[in-house]
């Protein structure tokens, strides 16, 4: 992984947490396979989301995320408030 140059930490509000967990449920995050066979782009980007629910650890990594998984990634970027070039990589 790359060297992070900025750390951005803040607690989520109850609404933000509920909105995010609703999104995870809508896109069936907990049922997604951790990896899939995919054509890998040359840029090296990977999108990894991991979580813990009721002592169940789950992670999903995609090099080329489909729309539902991309929505999770975009949602987390919006919550972070960071400026990114994610529109180059996410649908």
Protein backbone atom coordinates (compact mmCIF):
# COMPACT_ATOMS: atom_id res chain seq x y z
CA UNK A 1 0.00 0.00 0.00
CA UNK A 2 1.07 3.59 -0.51
CA UNK A 3 2.29 5.94 2.14
CA UNK A 4 -0.58 8.01 3.51
CA UNK A 5 0.28 11.65 3.89
CA UNK A 6 -2.90 12.77 5.61
CA UNK A 7 -4.93 11.28 8.43
CA UNK A 8 -8.55 12.31 8.69
CA UNK A 9 -10.43 10.92 11.67
CA UNK A 10 -13.81 11.99 12.96
CA UNK A 11 -16.75 10.27 14.61
CA UNK A 12 -19.87 9.68 12.53
CA UNK A 13 -23.16 11.10 13.64
CA UNK A 14 -25.96 8.62 14.39
CA UNK A 15 -27.61 9.60 11.10
CA UNK A 16 -24.38 9.07 9.11
CA UNK A 17 -23.83 5.66 10.72
CA UNK A 18 -27.42 4.56 10.10
CA UNK A 19 -27.27 5.85 6.51
CA UNK A 20 -24.03 3.94 5.88
CA UNK A 21 -25.23 0.67 7.42
CA UNK A 22 -28.46 0.98 5.41
CA UNK A 23 -26.33 1.32 2.27
CA UNK A 24 -24.32 -1.79 3.20
CA UNK A 25 -27.55 -3.74 3.60
CA UNK A 26 -29.06 -2.37 0.35
CA UNK A 27 -26.09 -3.51 -1.73
CA UNK A 28 -25.75 -6.81 0.21
CA UNK A 29 -22.19 -6.00 1.25
CA UNK A 30 -22.06 -8.82 3.81
CA UNK A 31 -22.88 -11.38 1.09
CA UNK A 32 -20.39 -10.12 -1.52
CA UNK A 33 -17.45 -12.42 -2.23
CA UNK A 34 -14.14 -11.04 -0.98
CA UNK A 35 -12.60 -11.23 -4.44
CA UNK A 36 -13.81 -11.92 -7.96
CA UNK A 37 -12.09 -12.74 -11.25
CA UNK A 38 -11.68 -9.42 -13.00
CA UNK A 39 -9.61 -7.87 -15.73
CA UNK A 40 -7.02 -5.83 -13.88
CA UNK A 41 -6.28 -2.29 -14.96
CA UNK A 42 -2.67 -1.16 -15.29
CA UNK A 43 -2.96 1.66 -12.71
CA UNK A 44 -2.68 -0.53 -9.61
CA UNK A 45 -5.71 0.94 -7.86
CA UNK A 46 -7.67 -1.33 -5.52
CA UNK A 47 -10.77 -0.59 -3.46
CA UNK A 48 -10.90 -2.40 -0.12
CA UNK A 49 -13.69 -2.19 2.44
CA UNK A 50 -13.59 -4.33 5.54
CA UNK A 51 -16.03 -4.51 8.39
CA UNK A 52 -17.04 -6.27 11.55
CA UNK A 53 -20.66 -7.09 12.39
CA UNK A 54 -21.72 -9.26 15.31
CA UNK A 55 -18.23 -10.83 15.50
CA UNK A 56 -18.34 -11.54 11.74
CA UNK A 57 -15.34 -10.05 9.90
CA UNK A 58 -15.77 -9.48 6.18
CA UNK A 59 -13.69 -7.78 3.50
CA UNK A 60 -14.25 -7.01 -0.15
CA UNK A 61 -11.58 -5.93 -2.61
CA UNK A 62 -12.18 -4.85 -6.18
CA UNK A 63 -9.83 -3.47 -8.78
CA UNK A 64 -12.78 -2.58 -11.02
CA UNK A 65 -15.80 -2.06 -8.74
CA UNK A 66 -19.30 -2.51 -10.09
CA UNK A 67 -21.90 0.17 -9.35
CA UNK A 68 -23.23 -1.16 -6.00
CA UNK A 69 -19.75 -1.66 -4.54
CA UNK A 70 -18.56 1.64 -6.02
CA UNK A 71 -21.43 3.36 -4.20
CA UNK A 72 -20.01 2.15 -0.86
CA UNK A 73 -16.57 3.52 -1.79
CA UNK A 74 -17.97 6.87 -2.95
CA UNK A 75 -20.07 7.16 0.20
CA UNK A 76 -17.01 6.68 2.42
CA UNK A 77 -15.05 9.25 0.42
CA UNK A 78 -17.91 11.77 0.82
CA UNK A 79 -17.99 11.12 4.57
CA UNK A 80 -14.24 11.70 4.79
CA UNK A 81 -14.49 15.14 3.22
CA UNK A 82 -11.21 14.52 1.39
CA UNK A 83 -10.53 15.75 -2.11
CA UNK A 84 -9.72 12.73 -4.29
CA UNK A 85 -9.52 11.75 -7.94
CA UNK A 86 -11.89 8.82 -7.33
CA UNK A 87 -14.10 9.83 -10.27
CA UNK A 88 -11.30 8.55 -12.53
CA UNK A 89 -11.68 5.05 -11.09
CA UNK A 90 -15.28 4.59 -9.97
CA UNK A 91 -18.39 4.36 -12.16
